[in-house]
Amino acid sequence: MKLIAIPDLHIGKTFNVTYGDPAIWEARSLKLVKNILKREQPDKVVFLGDIFNTSSPSFHHIFKFMLEVKNYDVTVISGNHDIPKTKKKSVMDYLAKYVDVIFNNDMDEISPDIYAIAWCDTQSRFVAKLKATIEHTKGNIIFLHAAYNNWDNEMDNVVTDELIKMAKEKDIKLISGHEHVHNIKKDTLYHLGSISPMNIGELGPKYYWSSVDGLVKINHKVGKGLSNDIILTNEDPGPQGTKPVYVKAGAIKIETDLVMEKRELTIDILDDFVTKALSDGFDKEFIDEFIK
């Protein structure tokens, strides 16, 4: 069985640009997902949390995500951005009707001897979940949405040095989302990075994980050079057509102060959305859930 794990997408995140069309940048995550799935043709896909940038995304963002994954066996780990800060329903409750979801504070066996742990409300709860899983699993992979082990507070799901040591002694790889910069700790804790850089501080390689090939580099084409599809830079290259260009604040000032508002679907194209959704195989109950 080929299983792949894909890191944070943050669908619905808006971006400021100095030049070009921000919608191209905003669509980047799902375009990369589509390319990865087409290339790999996996038997199972695990999303490592923060699928959406908020726990209550707009219906068309949910629709676009479901459209890309509907032909695959999908498990979604709840990340900190996917869960509400109060006790109310979130996007995970809706997704659970169509894909497997690991809910906030939960751990589950997603394939034989392969476990996944969702974002937990406290550090102590997260440590207890991960420690118990490491102690009892017979497998060598645990999927997480967790923080680097150089952070330590009650609200972050931190993989501590002790937990890394426990996993390493059993030759268990901890494959994690949450941190947007790729990093490997003691050949045990693997942060894949987000699916692509989302600001200039996140530039660099990003990866997804494959049960066949291990770490696979994502060709995200976000960087400082003009050959990239999205340019994040400290030096003003000037307009590049519709290509999104962000010049770090202070390097250049433009009339709009670099602020762009997200263009959401409007009610006048709602009928087109419903028609498209039905033609793509989504049932009426699913559509009604998000256009009430």
C-alpha atoms as a PDB file:
ATOM      1  CA  MET A   1       0.000   0.000   0.000  1.00  0.00           C
ATOM      2  CA  LYS A   2       1.314   3.426  -0.916  1.00  0.00           C
ATOM      3  CA  LEU A   3       0.532   6.037   1.724  1.00  0.00           C
ATOM      4  CA  ILE A   4       1.492   9.700   1.453  1.00  0.00           C
ATOM      5  CA  ALA A   5       1.334  12.476   4.054  1.00  0.00           C
ATOM      6  CA  ILE A   6       0.862  16.097   2.970  1.00  0.00           C
ATOM      7  CA  PRO A   7       1.669  19.046   5.275  1.00  0.00           C
ATOM      8  CA  ASP A   8      -0.224  22.254   6.107  1.00  0.00           C
ATOM      9  CA  LEU A   9      -2.280  23.804   3.290  1.00  0.00           C
ATOM     10  CA  HIS A  10      -3.974  26.783   4.993  1.00  0.00           C
ATOM     11  CA  ILE A  11      -6.669  26.956   2.322  1.00  0.00           C
ATOM     12  CA  GLY A  12      -8.442  30.302   2.526  1.00  0.00           C
ATOM     13  CA  LYS A  13      -5.398  32.244   3.675  1.00  0.00           C
ATOM     14  CA  THR A  14      -5.168  35.645   2.004  1.00  0.00           C
ATOM     15  CA  PHE A  15      -1.921  37.186   0.864  1.00  0.00           C
ATOM     16  CA  ASN A  16      -0.663  40.727   0.405  1.00  0.00           C
ATOM     17  CA  VAL A  17       1.203  41.359  -2.824  1.00  0.00           C
ATOM     18  CA  THR A  18       3.130  44.303  -4.168  1.00  0.00           C
ATOM     19  CA  TYR A  19       2.421  43.413  -7.793  1.00  0.00           C
ATOM     20  CA  GLY A  20       0.336  40.846  -9.637  1.00  0.00           C
ATOM     21  CA  ASP A  21      -2.707  38.761  -8.766  1.00  0.00           C
ATOM     22  CA  PRO A  22      -2.910  37.460  -5.160  1.00  0.00           C
ATOM     23  CA  ALA A  23      -5.516  34.869  -6.215  1.00  0.00           C
ATOM     24  CA  ILE A  24      -2.732  32.911  -7.953  1.00  0.00           C
ATOM     25  CA  TRP A  25      -0.865  32.636  -4.639  1.00  0.00           C
ATOM     26  CA  GLU A  26      -4.054  31.826  -2.734  1.00  0.00           C
ATOM     27  CA  ALA A  27      -4.798  28.921  -5.097  1.00  0.00           C
ATOM     28  CA  ARG A  28      -1.258  27.515  -4.826  1.00  0.00           C
ATOM     29  CA  SER A  29      -1.851  24.956  -2.054  1.00  0.00           C
ATOM     30  CA  LEU A  30      -4.634  23.106  -3.839  1.00  0.00           C
ATOM     31  CA  LYS A  31      -2.771  23.200  -7.148  1.00  0.00           C
ATOM     32  CA  LEU A  32       0.196  21.492  -5.462  1.00  0.00           C
ATOM     33  CA  VAL A  33      -2.101  18.900  -3.848  1.00  0.00           C
ATOM     34  CA  LYS A  34      -3.568  18.109  -7.263  1.00  0.00           C
ATOM     35  CA  ASN A  35      -0.089  17.681  -8.755  1.00  0.00           C
ATOM     36  CA  ILE A  36       1.088  15.433  -5.907  1.00  0.00           C
ATOM     37  CA  LEU A  37      -1.957  13.168  -6.075  1.00  0.00           C
ATOM     38  CA  LYS A  38      -1.734  12.894  -9.860  1.00  0.00           C
ATOM     39  CA  ARG A  39       1.950  11.966  -9.642  1.00  0.00           C
ATOM     40  CA  GLU A  40       1.724   9.514  -6.746  1.00  0.00           C
ATOM     41  CA  GLN A  41      -1.695   7.881  -7.237  1.00  0.00           C
ATOM     42  CA  PRO A  42      -1.632   6.820  -3.561  1.00  0.00           C
ATOM     43  CA  ASP A  43      -3.806   4.203  -1.896  1.00  0.00           C
ATOM     44  CA  LYS A  44      -4.196   6.467   1.136  1.00  0.00           C
ATOM     45  CA  VAL A  45      -3.606  10.172   1.807  1.00  0.00           C
ATOM     46  CA  VAL A  46      -3.011  11.732   5.228  1.00  0.00           C
ATOM     47  CA  PHE A  47      -3.267  15.493   5.648  1.00  0.00           C
ATOM     48  CA  LEU A  48      -1.174  16.592   8.627  1.00  0.00           C
ATOM     49  CA  GLY A  49      -3.469  19.348   9.894  1.00  0.00           C
ATOM     50  CA  ASP A  50      -4.249  23.000   9.161  1.00  0.00           C
ATOM     51  CA  ILE A  51      -6.054  22.094   5.959  1.00  0.00           C
ATOM     52  CA  PHE A  52      -7.875  25.390   6.261  1.00  0.00           C
ATOM     53  CA  ASN A  53      -6.739  28.689   7.688  1.00  0.00           C
ATOM     54  CA  THR A  54      -9.781  28.858   9.959  1.00  0.00           C
ATOM     55  CA  SER A  55     -12.201  26.440  11.628  1.00  0.00           C
ATOM     56  CA  SER A  56     -15.088  27.967   9.648  1.00  0.00           C
ATOM     57  CA  PRO A  57     -13.916  28.417   6.047  1.00  0.00           C
ATOM     58  CA  SER A  58     -16.228  29.538   3.264  1.00  0.00           C
ATOM     59  CA  PHE A  59     -18.182  26.853   1.465  1.00  0.00           C
ATOM     60  CA  HIS A  60     -16.287  27.240  -1.807  1.00  0.00           C
ATOM     61  CA  HIS A  61     -12.958  26.536  -0.085  1.00  0.00           C
ATOM     62  CA  ILE A  62     -14.386  23.300   1.324  1.00  0.00           C
ATOM     63  CA  PHE A  63     -15.840  22.430  -2.062  1.00  0.00           C
ATOM     64  CA  LYS A  64     -12.516  22.951  -3.820  1.00  0.00           C
ATOM     65  CA  PHE A  65     -10.679  20.758  -1.306  1.00  0.00           C
ATOM     66  CA  MET A  66     -13.262  17.960  -1.583  1.00  0.00           C
ATOM     67  CA  LEU A  67     -13.133  18.152  -5.359  1.00  0.00           C
ATOM     68  CA  GLU A  68      -9.393  17.367  -5.345  1.00  0.00           C
ATOM     69  CA  VAL A  69      -9.542  14.473  -2.850  1.00  0.00           C
ATOM     70  CA  LYS A  70     -12.925  12.847  -3.501  1.00  0.00           C
ATOM     71  CA  ASN A  71     -11.437   9.866  -5.389  1.00  0.00           C
ATOM     72  CA  TYR A  72      -8.948   8.982  -2.641  1.00  0.00           C
ATOM     73  CA  ASP A  73      -8.979   7.290   0.756  1.00  0.00           C
ATOM     74  CA  VAL A  74      -8.327  10.348   2.941  1.00  0.00           C
ATOM     75  CA  THR A  75      -7.554  10.898   6.612  1.00  0.00           C
ATOM     76  CA  VAL A  76      -7.422  14.448   7.935  1.00  0.00           C
ATOM     77  CA  ILE A  77      -5.655  15.254  11.207  1.00  0.00           C
ATOM     78  CA  SER A  78      -7.194  18.224  12.996  1.00  0.00           C
ATOM     79  CA  GLY A  79      -4.651  21.030  13.369  1.00  0.00           C
ATOM     80  CA  ASN A  80      -4.823  24.082  15.589  1.00  0.00           C
ATOM     81  CA  HIS A  81      -6.252  26.198  12.742  1.00  0.00           C
ATOM     82  CA  ASP A  82      -8.951  23.608  12.005  1.00  0.00           C
ATOM     83  CA  ILE A  83     -10.535  23.581  15.444  1.00  0.00           C
ATOM     84  CA  PRO A  84     -12.659  26.244  17.150  1.00  0.00           C
ATOM     85  CA  LYS A  85     -11.457  28.062  20.244  1.00  0.00           C
ATOM     86  CA  THR A  86     -14.836  27.497  21.891  1.00  0.00           C
ATOM     87  CA  LYS A  87     -17.135  24.484  22.034  1.00  0.00           C
ATOM     88  CA  LYS A  88     -18.879  24.739  18.694  1.00  0.00           C
ATOM     89  CA  LYS A  89     -18.890  22.862  15.417  1.00  0.00           C
ATOM     90  CA  SER A  90     -15.997  23.318  13.032  1.00  0.00           C
ATOM     91  CA  VAL A  91     -15.142  22.383   9.492  1.00  0.00           C
ATOM     92  CA  MET A  92     -13.875  19.017  10.798  1.00  0.00           C
ATOM     93  CA  ASP A  93     -17.412  18.038  11.814  1.00  0.00           C
ATOM     94  CA  TYR A  94     -18.573  18.556   8.234  1.00  0.00           C
ATOM     95  CA  LEU A  95     -15.572  16.882   6.611  1.00  0.00           C
ATOM     96  CA  ALA A  96     -16.132  13.788   8.766  1.00  0.00           C
ATOM     97  CA  LYS A  97     -19.173  12.962   6.626  1.00  0.00           C
ATOM     98  CA  TYR A  98     -16.914  12.442   3.612  1.00  0.00           C
ATOM     99  CA  VAL A  99     -13.382  11.621   4.846  1.00  0.00           C
ATOM    100  CA  ASP A 100     -11.849  10.116   7.988  1.00  0.00           C
ATOM    101  CA  VAL A 101     -11.083  12.808  10.565  1.00  0.00           C
ATOM    102  CA  ILE A 102      -8.891  12.607  13.647  1.00  0.00           C
ATOM    103  CA  PHE A 103     -10.618  15.061  15.939  1.00  0.00           C
ATOM    104  CA  ASN A 104      -9.089  17.474  18.440  1.00  0.00           C
ATOM    105  CA  ASN A 105      -7.544  15.568  21.410  1.00  0.00           C
ATOM    106  CA  ASP A 106      -7.925  12.186  19.659  1.00  0.00           C
ATOM    107  CA  MET A 107      -5.551   9.452  18.527  1.00  0.00           C
ATOM    108  CA  ASP A 108      -6.495   6.725  16.053  1.00  0.00           C
ATOM    109  CA  GLU A 109      -5.010   3.809  14.116  1.00  0.00           C
ATOM    110  CA  ILE A 110      -5.449   4.900  10.499  1.00  0.00           C
ATOM    111  CA  SER A 111      -3.874   1.771   8.958  1.00  0.00           C
ATOM    112  CA  PRO A 112      -2.469  -1.357  10.604  1.00  0.00           C
ATOM    113  CA  ASP A 113       0.157  -0.172  13.138  1.00  0.00           C
ATOM    114  CA  ILE A 114       0.104   3.396  11.783  1.00  0.00           C
ATOM    115  CA  TYR A 115      -1.246   6.006  14.198  1.00  0.00           C
ATOM    116  CA  ALA A 116      -2.204   9.668  14.017  1.00  0.00           C
ATOM    117  CA  ILE A 117      -2.641  12.217  16.805  1.00  0.00           C
ATOM    118  CA  ALA A 118      -4.590  15.448  16.382  1.00  0.00           C
ATOM    119  CA  TRP A 119      -3.887  18.791  18.012  1.00  0.00           C
ATOM    120  CA  CYS A 120      -4.563  18.653  21.755  1.00  0.00           C
ATOM    121  CA  ASP A 121      -5.878  21.389  24.034  1.00  0.00           C
ATOM    122  CA  THR A 122      -2.925  21.247  26.432  1.00  0.00           C
ATOM    123  CA  GLN A 123       0.706  20.192  26.414  1.00  0.00           C
ATOM    124  CA  SER A 124       0.084  17.605  29.145  1.00  0.00           C
ATOM    125  CA  ARG A 125      -2.692  15.931  27.182  1.00  0.00           C
ATOM    126  CA  PHE A 126      -0.558  15.842  24.035  1.00  0.00           C
ATOM    127  CA  VAL A 127       2.419  14.327  25.890  1.00  0.00           C
ATOM    128  CA  ALA A 128       0.199  11.634  27.410  1.00  0.00           C
ATOM    129  CA  LYS A 129      -1.275  10.731  23.999  1.00  0.00           C
ATOM    130  CA  LEU A 130       2.069  10.575  22.219  1.00  0.00           C
ATOM    131  CA  LYS A 131       3.848   8.727  25.042  1.00  0.00           C
ATOM    132  CA  ALA A 132       1.148   6.049  25.207  1.00  0.00           C
ATOM    133  CA  THR A 133       1.203   5.638  21.430  1.00  0.00           C
ATOM    134  CA  ILE A 134       4.988   5.267  21.322  1.00  0.00           C
ATOM    135  CA  GLU A 135       4.875   2.692  24.127  1.00  0.00           C
ATOM    136  CA  HIS A 136       2.166   0.523  22.602  1.00  0.00           C
ATOM    137  CA  THR A 137       2.587   0.725  18.833  1.00  0.00           C
ATOM    138  CA  LYS A 138       4.222  -2.106  16.939  1.00  0.00           C
ATOM    139  CA  GLY A 139       4.705   0.120  13.902  1.00  0.00           C
ATOM    140  CA  ASN A 140       7.347   2.681  13.058  1.00  0.00           C
ATOM    141  CA  ILE A 141       5.320   5.713  11.925  1.00  0.00           C
ATOM    142  CA  ILE A 142       3.230   8.191  13.919  1.00  0.00           C
ATOM    143  CA  PHE A 143       1.629  11.200  12.233  1.00  0.00           C
ATOM    144  CA  LEU A 144       1.229  14.435  14.206  1.00  0.00           C
ATOM    145  CA  HIS A 145       0.396  18.096  14.152  1.00  0.00           C
ATOM    146  CA  ALA A 146       2.935  19.325  16.683  1.00  0.00           C
ATOM    147  CA  ALA A 147       5.583  21.921  17.492  1.00  0.00           C
ATOM    148  CA  TYR A 148       9.374  21.904  17.485  1.00  0.00           C
ATOM    149  CA  ASN A 149      10.993  20.753  20.692  1.00  0.00           C
ATOM    150  CA  ASN A 150      12.538  24.186  21.292  1.00  0.00           C
ATOM    151  CA  TRP A 151       9.211  25.585  22.428  1.00  0.00           C
ATOM    152  CA  ASP A 152       7.567  24.846  25.748  1.00  0.00           C
ATOM    153  CA  ASN A 153       4.252  26.199  26.999  1.00  0.00           C
ATOM    154  CA  GLU A 154       0.870  24.772  27.936  1.00  0.00           C
ATOM    155  CA  MET A 155      -0.830  25.707  24.671  1.00  0.00           C
ATOM    156  CA  ASP A 156       1.674  24.213  22.234  1.00  0.00           C
ATOM    157  CA  ASN A 157       1.841  20.523  21.392  1.00  0.00           C
ATOM    158  CA  VAL A 158       5.603  20.281  21.863  1.00  0.00           C
ATOM    159  CA  VAL A 159       7.495  17.080  21.024  1.00  0.00           C
ATOM    160  CA  THR A 160       9.977  17.142  23.893  1.00  0.00           C
ATOM    161  CA  ASP A 161      13.480  15.689  23.920  1.00  0.00           C
ATOM    162  CA  GLU A 162      12.193  12.884  26.139  1.00  0.00           C
ATOM    163  CA  LEU A 163       9.529  11.937  23.597  1.00  0.00           C
ATOM    164  CA  ILE A 164      12.035  12.085  20.732  1.00  0.00           C
ATOM    165  CA  LYS A 165      14.350   9.796  22.700  1.00  0.00           C
ATOM    166  CA  MET A 166      11.526   7.311  23.370  1.00  0.00           C
ATOM    167  CA  ALA A 167      10.587   7.235  19.693  1.00  0.00           C
ATOM    168  CA  LYS A 168      14.204   6.908  18.532  1.00  0.00           C
ATOM    169  CA  GLU A 169      14.797   3.928  20.837  1.00  0.00           C
ATOM    170  CA  LYS A 170      11.943   2.104  19.090  1.00  0.00           C
ATOM    171  CA  ASP A 171      12.996   3.325  15.618  1.00  0.00           C
ATOM    172  CA  ILE A 172       9.736   5.275  15.230  1.00  0.00           C
ATOM    173  CA  LYS A 173       9.537   8.211  12.849  1.00  0.00           C
ATOM    174  CA  LEU A 174       7.344  11.132  13.949  1.00  0.00           C
ATOM    175  CA  ILE A 175       6.019  12.794  10.781  1.00  0.00           C
ATOM    176  CA  SER A 176       4.546  16.178  11.625  1.00  0.00           C
ATOM    177  CA  GLY A 177       2.756  19.206  10.310  1.00  0.00           C
ATOM    178  CA  HIS A 178       2.327  22.580  12.089  1.00  0.00           C
ATOM    179  CA  GLU A 179       5.815  24.064  11.661  1.00  0.00           C
ATOM    180  CA  HIS A 180       6.194  25.721   8.247  1.00  0.00           C
ATOM    181  CA  VAL A 181       9.980  25.373   8.023  1.00  0.00           C
ATOM    182  CA  HIS A 182      11.392  21.935   7.222  1.00  0.00           C
ATOM    183  CA  ASN A 183      13.440  20.466  10.043  1.00  0.00           C
ATOM    184  CA  ILE A 184      14.624  17.035  11.235  1.00  0.00           C
ATOM    185  CA  LYS A 185      15.412  16.380  14.901  1.00  0.00           C
ATOM    186  CA  LYS A 186      17.727  13.442  15.689  1.00  0.00           C
ATOM    187  CA  ASP A 187      16.549  11.520  12.627  1.00  0.00           C
ATOM    188  CA  THR A 188      13.239  11.002  14.427  1.00  0.00           C
ATOM    189  CA  LEU A 189      11.018  14.114  14.384  1.00  0.00           C
ATOM    190  CA  TYR A 190      10.352  15.187  10.797  1.00  0.00           C
ATOM    191  CA  HIS A 191       8.638  18.520  10.218  1.00  0.00           C
ATOM    192  CA  LEU A 192       7.824  18.575   6.513  1.00  0.00           C
ATOM    193  CA  GLY A 193       7.246  22.326   6.325  1.00  0.00           C
ATOM    194  CA  SER A 194       4.037  23.801   4.907  1.00  0.00           C
ATOM    195  CA  ILE A 195       3.132  22.759   1.362  1.00  0.00           C
ATOM    196  CA  SER A 196       4.813  25.970   0.113  1.00  0.00           C
ATOM    197  CA  PRO A 197       6.284  29.150   1.634  1.00  0.00           C
ATOM    198  CA  MET A 198       3.608  31.526   2.907  1.00  0.00           C
ATOM    199  CA  ASN A 199       5.916  34.418   3.712  1.00  0.00           C
ATOM    200  CA  ILE A 200       9.495  35.422   3.031  1.00  0.00           C
ATOM    201  CA  GLY A 201      10.693  33.894   6.298  1.00  0.00           C
ATOM    202  CA  GLU A 202       9.489  30.460   5.176  1.00  0.00           C
ATOM    203  CA  LEU A 203      11.432  30.302   1.918  1.00  0.00           C
ATOM    204  CA  GLY A 204      13.217  27.023   1.353  1.00  0.00           C
ATOM    205  CA  PRO A 205      12.521  23.357   0.622  1.00  0.00           C
ATOM    206  CA  LYS A 206       9.217  21.717   1.585  1.00  0.00           C
ATOM    207  CA  TYR A 207       8.374  18.020   1.527  1.00  0.00           C
ATOM    208  CA  TYR A 208       5.620  15.461   1.615  1.00  0.00           C
ATOM    209  CA  TRP A 209       6.204  11.957   2.923  1.00  0.00           C
ATOM    210  CA  SER A 210       5.720   8.684   1.025  1.00  0.00           C
ATOM    211  CA  SER A 211       5.704   5.163   2.441  1.00  0.00           C
ATOM    212  CA  VAL A 212       7.613   4.154  -0.706  1.00  0.00           C
ATOM    213  CA  ASP A 213      10.148   6.969  -1.127  1.00  0.00           C
ATOM    214  CA  GLY A 214      10.295   8.681   2.280  1.00  0.00           C
ATOM    215  CA  LEU A 215      10.727  12.452   2.028  1.00  0.00           C
ATOM    216  CA  VAL A 216       9.791  13.837  -1.396  1.00  0.00           C
ATOM    217  CA  LYS A 217      10.630  17.441  -2.245  1.00  0.00           C
ATOM    218  CA  ILE A 218       7.705  19.619  -3.344  1.00  0.00           C
ATOM    219  CA  ASN A 219       8.296  21.670  -6.477  1.00  0.00           C
ATOM    220  CA  HIS A 220       6.445  24.695  -5.098  1.00  0.00           C
ATOM    221  CA  LYS A 221       8.196  27.344  -7.258  1.00  0.00           C
ATOM    222  CA  VAL A 222       7.991  30.048  -4.598  1.00  0.00           C
ATOM    223  CA  GLY A 223      11.254  31.925  -4.145  1.00  0.00           C
ATOM    224  CA  LYS A 224      13.309  35.090  -4.646  1.00  0.00           C
ATOM    225  CA  GLY A 225      14.258  34.575  -8.299  1.00  0.00           C
ATOM    226  CA  LEU A 226      12.280  35.789 -11.317  1.00  0.00           C
ATOM    227  CA  SER A 227      11.962  32.230 -12.631  1.00  0.00           C
ATOM    228  CA  ASN A 228       9.605  31.327  -9.758  1.00  0.00           C
ATOM    229  CA  ASP A 229       5.825  31.367 -10.139  1.00  0.00           C
ATOM    230  CA  ILE A 230       5.545  33.436  -6.944  1.00  0.00           C
ATOM    231  CA  ILE A 231       8.305  35.864  -5.991  1.00  0.00           C
ATOM    232  CA  LEU A 232       9.089  36.834  -2.382  1.00  0.00           C
ATOM    233  CA  THR A 233      12.008  39.204  -2.227  1.00  0.00           C
ATOM    234  CA  ASN A 234      13.774  42.089  -0.471  1.00  0.00           C
ATOM    235  CA  GLU A 235      14.627  43.827  -3.765  1.00  0.00           C
ATOM    236  CA  ASP A 236      11.998  45.333  -6.016  1.00  0.00           C
ATOM    237  CA  PRO A 237      11.952  43.511  -9.381  1.00  0.00           C
ATOM    238  CA  GLY A 238       9.070  45.604 -10.721  1.00  0.00           C
ATOM    239  CA  PRO A 239       5.763  44.208 -12.037  1.00  0.00           C
ATOM    240  CA  GLN A 240       5.887  40.722 -13.593  1.00  0.00           C
ATOM    241  CA  GLY A 241       2.515  40.635 -15.285  1.00  0.00           C
ATOM    242  CA  THR A 242      -0.057  38.747 -13.193  1.00  0.00           C
ATOM    243  CA  LYS A 243       2.681  36.832 -11.337  1.00  0.00           C
ATOM    244  CA  PRO A 244       2.379  37.529  -7.585  1.00  0.00           C
ATOM    245  CA  VAL A 245       5.344  39.530  -6.292  1.00  0.00           C
ATOM    246  CA  TYR A 246       5.771  40.462  -2.639  1.00  0.00           C
ATOM    247  CA  VAL A 247       8.525  42.912  -1.766  1.00  0.00           C
ATOM    248  CA  LYS A 248       9.223  42.831   1.963  1.00  0.00           C
ATOM    249  CA  ALA A 249       7.726  45.818   3.782  1.00  0.00           C
ATOM    250  CA  GLY A 250      10.112  48.739   3.901  1.00  0.00           C
ATOM    251  CA  ALA A 251      11.725  47.938   0.573  1.00  0.00           C
ATOM    252  CA  ILE A 252       8.917  49.538  -1.411  1.00  0.00           C
ATOM    253  CA  LYS A 253       5.691  51.379  -0.704  1.00  0.00           C
ATOM    254  CA  ILE A 254       2.673  51.306  -2.959  1.00  0.00           C
ATOM    255  CA  GLU A 255      -0.553  53.262  -2.874  1.00  0.00           C
ATOM    256  CA  THR A 256      -2.609  50.400  -1.408  1.00  0.00           C
ATOM    257  CA  ASP A 257      -0.165  49.831   1.481  1.00  0.00           C
ATOM    258  CA  LEU A 258       0.166  46.214   0.299  1.00  0.00           C
ATOM    259  CA  VAL A 259      -3.335  45.419   1.564  1.00  0.00           C
ATOM    260  CA  MET A 260      -5.542  43.249  -0.645  1.00  0.00           C
ATOM    261  CA  GLU A 261      -8.956  42.006   0.387  1.00  0.00           C
ATOM    262  CA  LYS A 262      -9.984  38.441  -0.416  1.00  0.00           C
ATOM    263  CA  ARG A 263     -12.481  38.206  -3.229  1.00  0.00           C
ATOM    264  CA  GLU A 264     -15.081  35.714  -2.061  1.00  0.00           C
ATOM    265  CA  LEU A 265     -17.736  34.114  -4.225  1.00  0.00           C
ATOM    266  CA  THR A 266     -20.812  36.316  -4.355  1.00  0.00           C
ATOM    267  CA  ILE A 267     -24.448  35.348  -4.297  1.00  0.00           C
ATOM    268  CA  ASP A 268     -24.922  36.100  -7.989  1.00  0.00           C
ATOM    269  CA  ILE A 269     -22.778  33.072  -8.908  1.00  0.00           C
ATOM    270  CA  LEU A 270     -24.264  30.757  -6.278  1.00  0.00           C
ATOM    271  CA  ASP A 271     -26.394  28.958  -8.848  1.00  0.00           C
ATOM    272  CA  ASP A 272     -23.292  28.237 -10.928  1.00  0.00           C
ATOM    273  CA  PHE A 273     -21.594  26.778  -7.848  1.00  0.00           C
ATOM    274  CA  VAL A 274     -24.533  24.442  -7.111  1.00  0.00           C
ATOM    275  CA  THR A 275     -24.692  23.281 -10.732  1.00  0.00           C
ATOM    276  CA  LYS A 276     -20.949  22.611 -10.776  1.00  0.00           C
ATOM    277  CA  ALA A 277     -21.040  20.774  -7.444  1.00  0.00           C
ATOM    278  CA  LEU A 278     -23.882  18.497  -8.545  1.00  0.00           C
ATOM    279  CA  SER A 279     -22.174  17.733 -11.867  1.00  0.00           C
ATOM    280  CA  ASP A 280     -18.984  16.808  -9.999  1.00  0.00           C
ATOM    281  CA  GLY A 281     -20.796  14.193  -7.944  1.00  0.00           C
ATOM    282  CA  PHE A 282     -21.444  15.981  -4.636  1.00  0.00           C
ATOM    283  CA  ASP A 283     -24.841  15.178  -3.161  1.00  0.00           C
ATOM    284  CA  LYS A 284     -27.416  17.847  -2.363  1.00  0.00           C
ATOM    285  CA  GLU A 285     -27.045  17.333   1.409  1.00  0.00           C
ATOM    286  CA  PHE A 286     -23.333  18.228   1.220  1.00  0.00           C
ATOM    287  CA  ILE A 287     -24.004  21.326  -0.872  1.00  0.00           C
ATOM    288  CA  ASP A 288     -26.874  22.518   1.320  1.00  0.00           C
ATOM    289  CA  GLU A 289     -24.672  22.186   4.406  1.00  0.00           C
ATOM    290  CA  PHE A 290     -22.393  24.969   3.193  1.00  0.00           C
ATOM    291  CA  ILE A 291     -24.743  27.397   1.455  1.00  0.00           C
ATOM    292  CA  LYS A 292     -27.350  27.854   4.131  1.00  0.00           C
END
